[in-house]
Amino acid sequence: MGYGYDELVEARRQVDSTLHKLRETLRTLEAKENATRLKPQITLARRRIAAFEVASDLIGREADAVRAEADAAGARGADDVRGARRADAAADAWDAADAGATLGAGAAGE
């Protein structure tokens, strides 16, 4: 499933917020007198921080890719519009020339 740029930016904001809270929690746990008793919680917090850092990075990369794709599509869209206008003008000119030739042939055949 593809996500839009805004969805990705909001997801990254939420992940980064959770990262901030986890880092604060880790600092608090490590500062406790009985930090050795809290080793499993400290390890878990560190692992979660590492996982959320990966998630934030991947979401950021995906958001950049989505933005670049949208920018490229916008550029292609403008080129497509200009190209379509040139094609329409050429078709109109061709139709006008063809109509003139048909009228001329009809007049000559009479």
PDB file of N, CA and C in Angstrom:
ATOM      1  N   MET A   1       0.845  -1.173   0.000  1.00  0.00           N
ATOM      2  CA  MET A   1       0.000   0.000   0.000  1.00  0.00           C
ATOM      3  C   MET A   1       0.888   1.233   0.000  1.00  0.00           C
ATOM      4  N   GLY A   2       0.576   2.158  -0.854  1.00  0.00           N
ATOM      5  CA  GLY A   2       1.345   3.388  -0.918  1.00  0.00           C
ATOM      6  C   GLY A   2       0.789   4.424   0.046  1.00  0.00           C
ATOM      7  N   TYR A   3       1.682   5.170   0.636  1.00  0.00           N
ATOM      8  CA  TYR A   3       1.290   6.222   1.562  1.00  0.00           C
ATOM      9  C   TYR A   3       1.596   7.571   0.940  1.00  0.00           C
ATOM     10  N   GLY A   4       0.773   8.544   1.246  1.00  0.00           N
ATOM     11  CA  GLY A   4       0.997   9.888   0.762  1.00  0.00           C
ATOM     12  C   GLY A   4       2.075  10.579   1.583  1.00  0.00           C
ATOM     13  N   TYR A   5       2.594  11.650   1.019  1.00  0.00           N
ATOM     14  CA  TYR A   5       3.657  12.400   1.680  1.00  0.00           C
ATOM     15  C   TYR A   5       3.224  12.893   3.062  1.00  0.00           C
ATOM     16  N   ASP A   6       2.037  13.449   3.155  1.00  0.00           N
ATOM     17  CA  ASP A   6       1.564  13.979   4.438  1.00  0.00           C
ATOM     18  C   ASP A   6       1.423  12.878   5.487  1.00  0.00           C
ATOM     19  N   GLU A   7       0.939  11.704   5.072  1.00  0.00           N
ATOM     20  CA  GLU A   7       0.830  10.578   6.001  1.00  0.00           C
ATOM     21  C   GLU A   7       2.207  10.170   6.529  1.00  0.00           C
ATOM     22  N   LEU A   8       3.178  10.143   5.639  1.00  0.00           N
ATOM     23  CA  LEU A   8       4.526   9.758   6.034  1.00  0.00           C
ATOM     24  C   LEU A   8       5.157  10.781   6.972  1.00  0.00           C
ATOM     25  N   VAL A   9       4.942  12.053   6.697  1.00  0.00           N
ATOM     26  CA  VAL A   9       5.485  13.103   7.565  1.00  0.00           C
ATOM     27  C   VAL A   9       4.871  12.992   8.962  1.00  0.00           C
ATOM     28  N   GLU A  10       3.569  12.769   9.033  1.00  0.00           N
ATOM     29  CA  GLU A  10       2.906  12.634  10.334  1.00  0.00           C
ATOM     30  C   GLU A  10       3.385  11.370  11.056  1.00  0.00           C
ATOM     31  N   ALA A  11       3.542  10.283  10.330  1.00  0.00           N
ATOM     32  CA  ALA A  11       4.040   9.048  10.953  1.00  0.00           C
ATOM     33  C   ALA A  11       5.440   9.263  11.521  1.00  0.00           C
ATOM     34  N   ARG A  12       6.278   9.946  10.772  1.00  0.00           N
ATOM     35  CA  ARG A  12       7.638  10.199  11.255  1.00  0.00           C
ATOM     36  C   ARG A  12       7.614  11.107  12.481  1.00  0.00           C
ATOM     37  N   ARG A  13       6.730  12.076  12.481  1.00  0.00           N
ATOM     38  CA  ARG A  13       6.613  12.966  13.636  1.00  0.00           C
ATOM     39  C   ARG A  13       6.237  12.162  14.888  1.00  0.00           C
ATOM     40  N   GLN A  14       5.320  11.228  14.724  1.00  0.00           N
ATOM     41  CA  GLN A  14       4.899  10.397  15.850  1.00  0.00           C
ATOM     42  C   GLN A  14       6.029   9.477  16.324  1.00  0.00           C
ATOM     43  N   VAL A  15       6.737   8.889  15.390  1.00  0.00           N
ATOM     44  CA  VAL A  15       7.866   8.023  15.735  1.00  0.00           C
ATOM     45  C   VAL A  15       8.947   8.830  16.452  1.00  0.00           C
ATOM     46  N   ASP A  16       9.237  10.015  15.947  1.00  0.00           N
ATOM     47  CA  ASP A  16      10.254  10.861  16.581  1.00  0.00           C
ATOM     48  C   ASP A  16       9.817  11.292  17.981  1.00  0.00           C
ATOM     49  N   SER A  17       8.533  11.533  18.181  1.00  0.00           N
ATOM     50  CA  SER A  17       8.022  11.879  19.504  1.00  0.00           C
ATOM     51  C   SER A  17       8.217  10.706  20.465  1.00  0.00           C
ATOM     52  N   THR A  18       7.912   9.519  20.001  1.00  0.00           N
ATOM     53  CA  THR A  18       8.108   8.325  20.828  1.00  0.00           C
ATOM     54  C   THR A  18       9.585   8.123  21.132  1.00  0.00           C
ATOM     55  N   LEU A  19      10.431   8.378  20.152  1.00  0.00           N
ATOM     56  CA  LEU A  19      11.879   8.288  20.366  1.00  0.00           C
ATOM     57  C   LEU A  19      12.330   9.231  21.472  1.00  0.00           C
ATOM     58  N   HIS A  20      11.832  10.441  21.431  1.00  0.00           N
ATOM     59  CA  HIS A  20      12.190  11.430  22.459  1.00  0.00           C
ATOM     60  C   HIS A  20      11.793  10.907  23.846  1.00  0.00           C
ATOM     61  N   LYS A  21      10.586  10.379  23.968  1.00  0.00           N
ATOM     62  CA  LYS A  21      10.105   9.863  25.248  1.00  0.00           C
ATOM     63  C   LYS A  21      10.936   8.665  25.704  1.00  0.00           C
ATOM     64  N   LEU A  22      11.290   7.793  24.767  1.00  0.00           N
ATOM     65  CA  LEU A  22      12.120   6.631  25.117  1.00  0.00           C
ATOM     66  C   LEU A  22      13.499   7.065  25.611  1.00  0.00           C
ATOM     67  N   ARG A  23      14.071   8.061  24.969  1.00  0.00           N
ATOM     68  CA  ARG A  23      15.391   8.546  25.397  1.00  0.00           C
ATOM     69  C   ARG A  23      15.326   9.141  26.800  1.00  0.00           C
ATOM     70  N   GLU A  24      14.255   9.863  27.068  1.00  0.00           N
ATOM     71  CA  GLU A  24      14.069  10.417  28.417  1.00  0.00           C
ATOM     72  C   GLU A  24      13.893   9.290  29.433  1.00  0.00           C
ATOM     73  N   THR A  25      13.138   8.289  29.082  1.00  0.00           N
ATOM     74  CA  THR A  25      12.941   7.138  29.959  1.00  0.00           C
ATOM     75  C   THR A  25      14.266   6.438  30.233  1.00  0.00           C
ATOM     76  N   LEU A  26      15.067   6.255  29.191  1.00  0.00           N
ATOM     77  CA  LEU A  26      16.370   5.605  29.355  1.00  0.00           C
ATOM     78  C   LEU A  26      17.258   6.402  30.311  1.00  0.00           C
ATOM     79  N   ARG A  27      17.278   7.712  30.135  1.00  0.00           N
ATOM     80  CA  ARG A  27      18.079   8.564  31.042  1.00  0.00           C
ATOM     81  C   ARG A  27      17.619   8.392  32.496  1.00  0.00           C
ATOM     82  N   THR A  28      16.320   8.371  32.674  1.00  0.00           N
ATOM     83  CA  THR A  28      15.763   8.216  34.014  1.00  0.00           C
ATOM     84  C   THR A  28      16.144   6.857  34.601  1.00  0.00           C
ATOM     85  N   LEU A  29      16.010   5.811  33.816  1.00  0.00           N
ATOM     86  CA  LEU A  29      16.344   4.465  34.301  1.00  0.00           C
ATOM     87  C   LEU A  29      17.822   4.359  34.659  1.00  0.00           C
ATOM     88  N   GLU A  30      18.660   4.902  33.804  1.00  0.00           N
ATOM     89  CA  GLU A  30      20.103   4.815  34.042  1.00  0.00           C
ATOM     90  C   GLU A  30      20.537   5.652  35.256  1.00  0.00           C
ATOM     91  N   ALA A  31      19.774   6.675  35.581  1.00  0.00           N
ATOM     92  CA  ALA A  31      20.124   7.543  36.699  1.00  0.00           C
ATOM     93  C   ALA A  31      19.673   6.981  38.056  1.00  0.00           C
ATOM     94  N   LYS A  32      18.845   5.982  38.047  1.00  0.00           N
ATOM     95  CA  LYS A  32      18.333   5.410  39.292  1.00  0.00           C
ATOM     96  C   LYS A  32      19.467   4.754  40.074  1.00  0.00           C
ATOM     97  N   GLU A  33      19.320   4.735  41.400  1.00  0.00           N
ATOM     98  CA  GLU A  33      20.316   4.101  42.271  1.00  0.00           C
ATOM     99  C   GLU A  33      20.446   2.613  41.978  1.00  0.00           C
ATOM    100  N   ASN A  34      19.337   1.973  41.739  1.00  0.00           N
ATOM    101  CA  ASN A  34      19.329   0.529  41.503  1.00  0.00           C
ATOM    102  C   ASN A  34      19.304   0.212  40.007  1.00  0.00           C
ATOM    103  N   ALA A  35      20.103   0.916  39.233  1.00  0.00           N
ATOM    104  CA  ALA A  35      20.111   0.747  37.775  1.00  0.00           C
ATOM    105  C   ALA A  35      20.476  -0.683  37.373  1.00  0.00           C
ATOM    106  N   THR A  36      21.299  -1.345  38.182  1.00  0.00           N
ATOM    107  CA  THR A  36      21.678  -2.735  37.840  1.00  0.00           C
ATOM    108  C   THR A  36      20.462  -3.652  37.909  1.00  0.00           C
ATOM    109  N   ARG A  37      19.528  -3.365  38.822  1.00  0.00           N
ATOM    110  CA  ARG A  37      18.310  -4.173  38.909  1.00  0.00           C
ATOM    111  C   ARG A  37      17.387  -3.895  37.726  1.00  0.00           C
ATOM    112  N   LEU A  38      17.581  -2.756  37.107  1.00  0.00           N
ATOM    113  CA  LEU A  38      16.723  -2.348  35.991  1.00  0.00           C
ATOM    114  C   LEU A  38      17.340  -2.674  34.633  1.00  0.00           C
ATOM    115  N   LYS A  39      18.359  -3.504  34.649  1.00  0.00           N
ATOM    116  CA  LYS A  39      19.070  -3.815  33.411  1.00  0.00           C
ATOM    117  C   LYS A  39      18.147  -4.313  32.282  1.00  0.00           C
ATOM    118  N   PRO A  40      17.189  -5.207  32.566  1.00  0.00           N
ATOM    119  CA  PRO A  40      16.297  -5.650  31.473  1.00  0.00           C
ATOM    120  C   PRO A  40      15.495  -4.482  30.867  1.00  0.00           C
ATOM    121  N   GLN A  41      15.013  -3.577  31.695  1.00  0.00           N
ATOM    122  CA  GLN A  41      14.244  -2.432  31.205  1.00  0.00           C
ATOM    123  C   GLN A  41      15.144  -1.481  30.401  1.00  0.00           C
ATOM    124  N   ILE A  42      16.368  -1.316  30.864  1.00  0.00           N
ATOM    125  CA  ILE A  42      17.322  -0.460  30.160  1.00  0.00           C
ATOM    126  C   ILE A  42      17.659  -1.059  28.794  1.00  0.00           C
ATOM    127  N   THR A  43      17.891  -2.368  28.774  1.00  0.00           N
ATOM    128  CA  THR A  43      18.184  -3.056  27.510  1.00  0.00           C
ATOM    129  C   THR A  43      16.998  -2.925  26.547  1.00  0.00           C
ATOM    130  N   LEU A  44      15.802  -3.132  27.068  1.00  0.00           N
ATOM    131  CA  LEU A  44      14.606  -3.019  26.240  1.00  0.00           C
ATOM    132  C   LEU A  44      14.460  -1.602  25.685  1.00  0.00           C
ATOM    133  N   ALA A  45      14.677  -0.592  26.511  1.00  0.00           N
ATOM    134  CA  ALA A  45      14.578   0.795  26.049  1.00  0.00           C
ATOM    135  C   ALA A  45      15.606   1.065  24.954  1.00  0.00           C
ATOM    136  N   ARG A  46      16.826   0.582  25.123  1.00  0.00           N
ATOM    137  CA  ARG A  46      17.868   0.778  24.102  1.00  0.00           C
ATOM    138  C   ARG A  46      17.481   0.111  22.785  1.00  0.00           C
ATOM    139  N   ARG A  47      16.944  -1.088  22.871  1.00  0.00           N
ATOM    140  CA  ARG A  47      16.531  -1.805  21.650  1.00  0.00           C
ATOM    141  C   ARG A  47      15.369  -1.103  20.967  1.00  0.00           C
ATOM    142  N   ARG A  48      14.456  -0.603  21.763  1.00  0.00           N
ATOM    143  CA  ARG A  48      13.326   0.135  21.178  1.00  0.00           C
ATOM    144  C   ARG A  48      13.808   1.421  20.512  1.00  0.00           C
ATOM    145  N   ILE A  49      14.739   2.102  21.148  1.00  0.00           N
ATOM    146  CA  ILE A  49      15.300   3.324  20.555  1.00  0.00           C
ATOM    147  C   ILE A  49      15.944   2.995  19.212  1.00  0.00           C
ATOM    148  N   ALA A  50      16.729   1.923  19.174  1.00  0.00           N
ATOM    149  CA  ALA A  50      17.375   1.530  17.914  1.00  0.00           C
ATOM    150  C   ALA A  50      16.331   1.214  16.843  1.00  0.00           C
ATOM    151  N   ALA A  51      15.272   0.499  17.222  1.00  0.00           N
ATOM    152  CA  ALA A  51      14.225   0.135  16.257  1.00  0.00           C
ATOM    153  C   ALA A  51      13.482   1.369  15.753  1.00  0.00           C
ATOM    154  N   PHE A  52      13.169   2.281  16.656  1.00  0.00           N
ATOM    155  CA  PHE A  52      12.464   3.500  16.243  1.00  0.00           C
ATOM    156  C   PHE A  52      13.355   4.411  15.407  1.00  0.00           C
ATOM    157  N   GLU A  53      14.654   4.389  15.642  1.00  0.00           N
ATOM    158  CA  GLU A  53      15.566   5.160  14.792  1.00  0.00           C
ATOM    159  C   GLU A  53      15.562   4.611  13.369  1.00  0.00           C
ATOM    160  N   VAL A  54      15.547   3.282  13.246  1.00  0.00           N
ATOM    161  CA  VAL A  54      15.464   2.653  11.920  1.00  0.00           C
ATOM    162  C   VAL A  54      14.141   3.042  11.258  1.00  0.00           C
ATOM    163  N   ALA A  55      13.053   2.935  12.009  1.00  0.00           N
ATOM    164  CA  ALA A  55      11.736   3.270  11.460  1.00  0.00           C
ATOM    165  C   ALA A  55      11.691   4.726  10.992  1.00  0.00           C
ATOM    166  N   SER A  56      12.207   5.627  11.804  1.00  0.00           N
ATOM    167  CA  SER A  56      12.214   7.047  11.442  1.00  0.00           C
ATOM    168  C   SER A  56      13.013   7.282  10.170  1.00  0.00           C
ATOM    169  N   ASP A  57      14.176   6.632  10.085  1.00  0.00           N
ATOM    170  CA  ASP A  57      15.014   6.783   8.892  1.00  0.00           C
ATOM    171  C   ASP A  57      14.305   6.245   7.645  1.00  0.00           C
ATOM    172  N   LEU A  58      13.708   5.076   7.762  1.00  0.00           N
ATOM    173  CA  LEU A  58      13.018   4.483   6.606  1.00  0.00           C
ATOM    174  C   LEU A  58      11.803   5.305   6.182  1.00  0.00           C
ATOM    175  N   ILE A  59      11.062   5.810   7.158  1.00  0.00           N
ATOM    176  CA  ILE A  59       9.911   6.659   6.833  1.00  0.00           C
ATOM    177  C   ILE A  59      10.396   7.927   6.137  1.00  0.00           C
ATOM    178  N   GLY A  60      11.498   8.491   6.630  1.00  0.00           N
ATOM    179  CA  GLY A  60      12.063   9.692   6.001  1.00  0.00           C
ATOM    180  C   GLY A  60      12.476   9.431   4.564  1.00  0.00           C
ATOM    181  N   ARG A  61      13.113   8.297   4.326  1.00  0.00           N
ATOM    182  CA  ARG A  61      13.521   7.947   2.954  1.00  0.00           C
ATOM    183  C   ARG A  61      12.301   7.784   2.049  1.00  0.00           C
ATOM    184  N   GLU A  62      11.279   7.119   2.567  1.00  0.00           N
ATOM    185  CA  GLU A  62      10.065   6.911   1.769  1.00  0.00           C
ATOM    186  C   GLU A  62       9.384   8.246   1.471  1.00  0.00           C
ATOM    187  N   ALA A  63       9.348   9.124   2.465  1.00  0.00           N
ATOM    188  CA  ALA A  63       8.747  10.448   2.256  1.00  0.00           C
ATOM    189  C   ALA A  63       9.523  11.214   1.187  1.00  0.00           C
ATOM    190  N   ASP A  64      10.849  11.139   1.241  1.00  0.00           N
ATOM    191  CA  ASP A  64      11.672  11.810   0.222  1.00  0.00           C
ATOM    192  C   ASP A  64      11.391  11.241  -1.170  1.00  0.00           C
ATOM    193  N   ALA A  65      11.247   9.911  -1.247  1.00  0.00           N
ATOM    194  CA  ALA A  65      10.977   9.264  -2.530  1.00  0.00           C
ATOM    195  C   ALA A  65       9.606   9.662  -3.065  1.00  0.00           C
ATOM    196  N   VAL A  66       8.616   9.706  -2.178  1.00  0.00           N
ATOM    197  CA  VAL A  66       7.264  10.097  -2.586  1.00  0.00           C
ATOM    198  C   VAL A  66       7.265  11.540  -3.080  1.00  0.00           C
ATOM    199  N   ARG A  67       7.981  12.407  -2.372  1.00  0.00           N
ATOM    200  CA  ARG A  67       8.054  13.820  -2.748  1.00  0.00           C
ATOM    201  C   ARG A  67       8.747  13.963  -4.105  1.00  0.00           C
ATOM    202  N   ALA A  68       9.862  13.235  -4.311  1.00  0.00           N
ATOM    203  CA  ALA A  68      10.590  13.304  -5.583  1.00  0.00           C
ATOM    204  C   ALA A  68       9.720  12.777  -6.724  1.00  0.00           C
ATOM    205  N   GLU A  69       8.980  11.710  -6.463  1.00  0.00           N
ATOM    206  CA  GLU A  69       8.096  11.145  -7.484  1.00  0.00           C
ATOM    207  C   GLU A  69       6.991  12.138  -7.847  1.00  0.00           C
ATOM    208  N   ALA A  70       6.441  12.791  -6.839  1.00  0.00           N
ATOM    209  CA  ALA A  70       5.391  13.785  -7.091  1.00  0.00           C
ATOM    210  C   ALA A  70       5.952  14.973  -7.863  1.00  0.00           C
ATOM    211  N   ASP A  71       7.152  15.407  -7.498  1.00  0.00           N
ATOM    212  CA  ASP A  71       7.781  16.519  -8.210  1.00  0.00           C
ATOM    213  C   ASP A  71       8.038  16.143  -9.670  1.00  0.00           C
ATOM    214  N   ALA A  72       8.529  14.921  -9.886  1.00  0.00           N
ATOM    215  CA  ALA A  72       8.795  14.461 -11.254  1.00  0.00           C
ATOM    216  C   ALA A  72       7.492  14.335 -12.039  1.00  0.00           C
ATOM    217  N   ALA A  73       6.455  13.833 -11.390  1.00  0.00           N
ATOM    218  CA  ALA A  73       5.155  13.703 -12.069  1.00  0.00           C
ATOM    219  C   ALA A  73       4.609  15.076 -12.414  1.00  0.00           C
ATOM    220  N   GLY A  74       4.823  16.034 -11.527  1.00  0.00           N
ATOM    221  CA  GLY A  74       4.380  17.400 -11.812  1.00  0.00           C
ATOM    222  C   GLY A  74       5.098  17.974 -13.008  1.00  0.00           C
ATOM    223  N   ALA A  75       6.393  17.724 -13.098  1.00  0.00           N
ATOM    224  CA  ALA A  75       7.181  18.200 -14.240  1.00  0.00           C
ATOM    225  C   ALA A  75       6.729  17.492 -15.515  1.00  0.00           C
ATOM    226  N   ARG A  76       6.514  16.172 -15.401  1.00  0.00           N
ATOM    227  CA  ARG A  76       6.032  15.427 -16.568  1.00  0.00           C
ATOM    228  C   ARG A  76       4.654  15.904 -16.963  1.00  0.00           C
ATOM    229  N   GLY A  77       3.817  16.195 -15.968  1.00  0.00           N
ATOM    230  CA  GLY A  77       2.470  16.672 -16.244  1.00  0.00           C
ATOM    231  C   GLY A  77       2.496  17.967 -17.031  1.00  0.00           C
ATOM    232  N   ALA A  78       3.365  18.881 -16.657  1.00  0.00           N
ATOM    233  CA  ALA A  78       3.481  20.153 -17.384  1.00  0.00           C
ATOM    234  C   ALA A  78       3.971  19.897 -18.804  1.00  0.00           C
ATOM    235  N   ASP A  79       4.945  19.005 -18.955  1.00  0.00           N
ATOM    236  CA  ASP A  79       5.431  18.662 -20.283  1.00  0.00           C
ATOM    237  C   ASP A  79       4.329  18.000 -21.101  1.00  0.00           C
ATOM    238  N   ASP A  80       3.551  17.124 -20.456  1.00  0.00           N
ATOM    239  CA  ASP A  80       2.464  16.447 -21.149  1.00  0.00           C
ATOM    240  C   ASP A  80       1.416  17.451 -21.623  1.00  0.00           C
ATOM    241  N   VAL A  81       1.116  18.439 -20.798  1.00  0.00           N
ATOM    242  CA  VAL A  81       0.132  19.455 -21.182  1.00  0.00           C
ATOM    243  C   VAL A  81       0.640  20.245 -22.380  1.00  0.00           C
ATOM    244  N   ARG A  82       1.923  20.683 -22.313  1.00  0.00           N
ATOM    245  CA  ARG A  82       2.483  21.433 -23.439  1.00  0.00           C
ATOM    246  C   ARG A  82       2.516  20.562 -24.692  1.00  0.00           C
ATOM    247  N   GLY A  83       2.898  19.304 -24.522  1.00  0.00           N
ATOM    248  CA  GLY A  83       2.948  18.390 -25.671  1.00  0.00           C
ATOM    249  C   GLY A  83       1.565  18.153 -26.261  1.00  0.00           C
ATOM    250  N   ALA A  84       0.569  18.023 -25.391  1.00  0.00           N
ATOM    251  CA  ALA A  84      -0.798  17.806 -25.859  1.00  0.00           C
ATOM    252  C   ALA A  84      -1.298  19.030 -26.615  1.00  0.00           C
ATOM    253  N   ARG A  85      -0.942  20.212 -26.127  1.00  0.00           N
ATOM    254  CA  ARG A  85      -1.359  21.435 -26.824  1.00  0.00           C
ATOM    255  C   ARG A  85      -0.714  21.514 -28.200  1.00  0.00           C
ATOM    256  N   ARG A  86       0.578  21.158 -28.278  1.00  0.00           N
ATOM    257  CA  ARG A  86       1.254  21.170 -29.592  1.00  0.00           C
ATOM    258  C   ARG A  86       0.626  20.140 -30.516  1.00  0.00           C
ATOM    259  N   ALA A  87       0.294  18.969 -29.984  1.00  0.00           N
ATOM    260  CA  ALA A  87      -0.323  17.919 -30.800  1.00  0.00           C
ATOM    261  C   ALA A  87      -1.700  18.358 -31.284  1.00  0.00           C
ATOM    262  N   ASP A  88      -2.469  19.002 -30.403  1.00  0.00           N
ATOM    263  CA  ASP A  88      -3.787  19.494 -30.798  1.00  0.00           C
ATOM    264  C   ASP A  88      -3.671  20.552 -31.891  1.00  0.00           C
ATOM    265  N   ALA A  89      -2.704  21.443 -31.743  1.00  0.00           N
ATOM    266  CA  ALA A  89      -2.502  22.496 -32.747  1.00  0.00           C
ATOM    267  C   ALA A  89      -2.094  21.879 -34.078  1.00  0.00           C
ATOM    268  N   ALA A  90      -1.226  20.871 -34.021  1.00  0.00           N
ATOM    269  CA  ALA A  90      -0.799  20.208 -35.258  1.00  0.00           C
ATOM    270  C   ALA A  90      -1.969  19.477 -35.905  1.00  0.00           C
ATOM    271  N   ALA A  91      -2.805  18.830 -35.088  1.00  0.00           N
ATOM    272  CA  ALA A  91      -3.968  18.120 -35.625  1.00  0.00           C
ATOM    273  C   ALA A  91      -4.953  19.106 -36.247  1.00  0.00           C
ATOM    274  N   ASP A  92      -5.143  20.248 -35.581  1.00  0.00           N
ATOM    275  CA  ASP A  92      -6.035  21.266 -36.141  1.00  0.00           C
ATOM    276  C   ASP A  92      -5.510  21.775 -37.479  1.00  0.00           C
ATOM    277  N   ALA A  93      -4.206  21.993 -37.540  1.00  0.00           N
ATOM    278  CA  ALA A  93      -3.596  22.471 -38.792  1.00  0.00           C
ATOM    279  C   ALA A  93      -3.745  21.408 -39.871  1.00  0.00           C
ATOM    280  N   TRP A  94      -3.545  20.165 -39.511  1.00  0.00           N
ATOM    281  CA  TRP A  94      -3.672  19.062 -40.465  1.00  0.00           C
ATOM    282  C   TRP A  94      -5.114  18.969 -40.964  1.00  0.00           C
ATOM    283  N   ASP A  95      -6.069  19.058 -40.027  1.00  0.00           N
ATOM    284  CA  ASP A  95      -7.483  19.011 -40.407  1.00  0.00           C
ATOM    285  C   ASP A  95      -7.847  20.184 -41.319  1.00  0.00           C
ATOM    286  N   ALA A  96      -7.325  21.357 -41.012  1.00  0.00           N
ATOM    287  CA  ALA A  96      -7.606  22.535 -41.838  1.00  0.00           C
ATOM    288  C   ALA A  96      -7.022  22.356 -43.230  1.00  0.00           C
ATOM    289  N   ALA A  97      -5.809  21.822 -43.292  1.00  0.00           N
ATOM    290  CA  ALA A  97      -5.175  21.598 -44.599  1.00  0.00           C
ATOM    291  C   ALA A  97      -5.932  20.544 -45.375  1.00  0.00           C
ATOM    292  N   ASP A  98      -6.362  19.496 -44.681  1.00  0.00           N
ATOM    293  CA  ASP A  98      -7.108  18.410 -45.328  1.00  0.00           C
ATOM    294  C   ASP A  98      -8.460  18.929 -45.821  1.00  0.00           C
ATOM    295  N   ALA A  99      -9.118  19.756 -45.012  1.00  0.00           N
ATOM    296  CA  ALA A  99     -10.403  20.320 -45.425  1.00  0.00           C
ATOM    297  C   ALA A  99     -10.225  21.225 -46.642  1.00  0.00           C
ATOM    298  N   GLY A 100      -9.140  21.989 -46.660  1.00  0.00           N
ATOM    299  CA  GLY A 100      -8.884  22.866 -47.804  1.00  0.00           C
ATOM    300  C   GLY A 100      -8.635  22.063 -49.061  1.00  0.00           C
ATOM    301  N   ALA A 101      -7.908  20.963 -48.926  1.00  0.00           N
ATOM    302  CA  ALA A 101      -7.622  20.124 -50.087  1.00  0.00           C
ATOM    303  C   ALA A 101      -8.898  19.483 -50.586  1.00  0.00           C
ATOM    304  N   THR A 102      -9.772  19.058 -49.652  1.00  0.00           N
ATOM    305  CA  THR A 102     -11.026  18.424 -50.035  1.00  0.00           C
ATOM    306  C   THR A 102     -11.926  19.440 -50.745  1.00  0.00           C
ATOM    307  N   LEU A 103     -11.964  20.636 -50.209  1.00  0.00           N
ATOM    308  CA  LEU A 103     -12.791  21.674 -50.841  1.00  0.00           C
ATOM    309  C   LEU A 103     -12.258  22.008 -52.217  1.00  0.00           C
ATOM    310  N   GLY A 104     -10.942  22.080 -52.310  1.00  0.00           N
ATOM    311  CA  GLY A 104     -10.335  22.389 -53.603  1.00  0.00           C
ATOM    312  C   GLY A 104     -10.593  21.289 -54.605  1.00  0.00           C
ATOM    313  N   ALA A 105     -10.528  20.050 -54.180  1.00  0.00           N
ATOM    314  CA  ALA A 105     -10.756  18.917 -55.076  1.00  0.00           C
ATOM    315  C   ALA A 105     -12.223  18.892 -55.514  1.00  0.00           C
ATOM    316  N   GLY A 106     -13.119  19.207 -54.565  1.00  0.00           N
ATOM    317  CA  GLY A 106     -14.539  19.206 -54.898  1.00  0.00           C
ATOM    318  C   GLY A 106     -14.858  20.294 -55.907  1.00  0.00           C
ATOM    319  N   ALA A 107     -14.226  21.433 -55.777  1.00  0.00           N
ATOM    320  CA  ALA A 107     -14.483  22.540 -56.680  1.00  0.00           C
ATOM    321  C   ALA A 107     -13.912  22.242 -58.045  1.00  0.00           C
ATOM    322  N   ALA A 108     -12.783  21.537 -58.094  1.00  0.00           N
ATOM    323  CA  ALA A 108     -12.167  21.238 -59.377  1.00  0.00           C
ATOM    324  C   ALA A 108     -12.935  20.157 -60.094  1.00  0.00           C
ATOM    325  N   GLY A 109     -13.582  19.284 -59.359  1.00  0.00           N
ATOM    326  CA  GLY A 109     -14.289  18.169 -59.979  1.00  0.00           C
ATOM    327  C   GLY A 109     -15.618  18.585 -60.560  1.00  0.00           C
ATOM    328  N   GLU A 110     -16.096  19.766 -60.248  1.00  0.00           N
ATOM    329  CA  GLU A 110     -17.433  20.154 -60.723  1.00  0.00           C
ATOM    330  C   GLU A 110     -17.410  20.608 -62.120  1.00  0.00           C
TER     331      GLU A 110
END
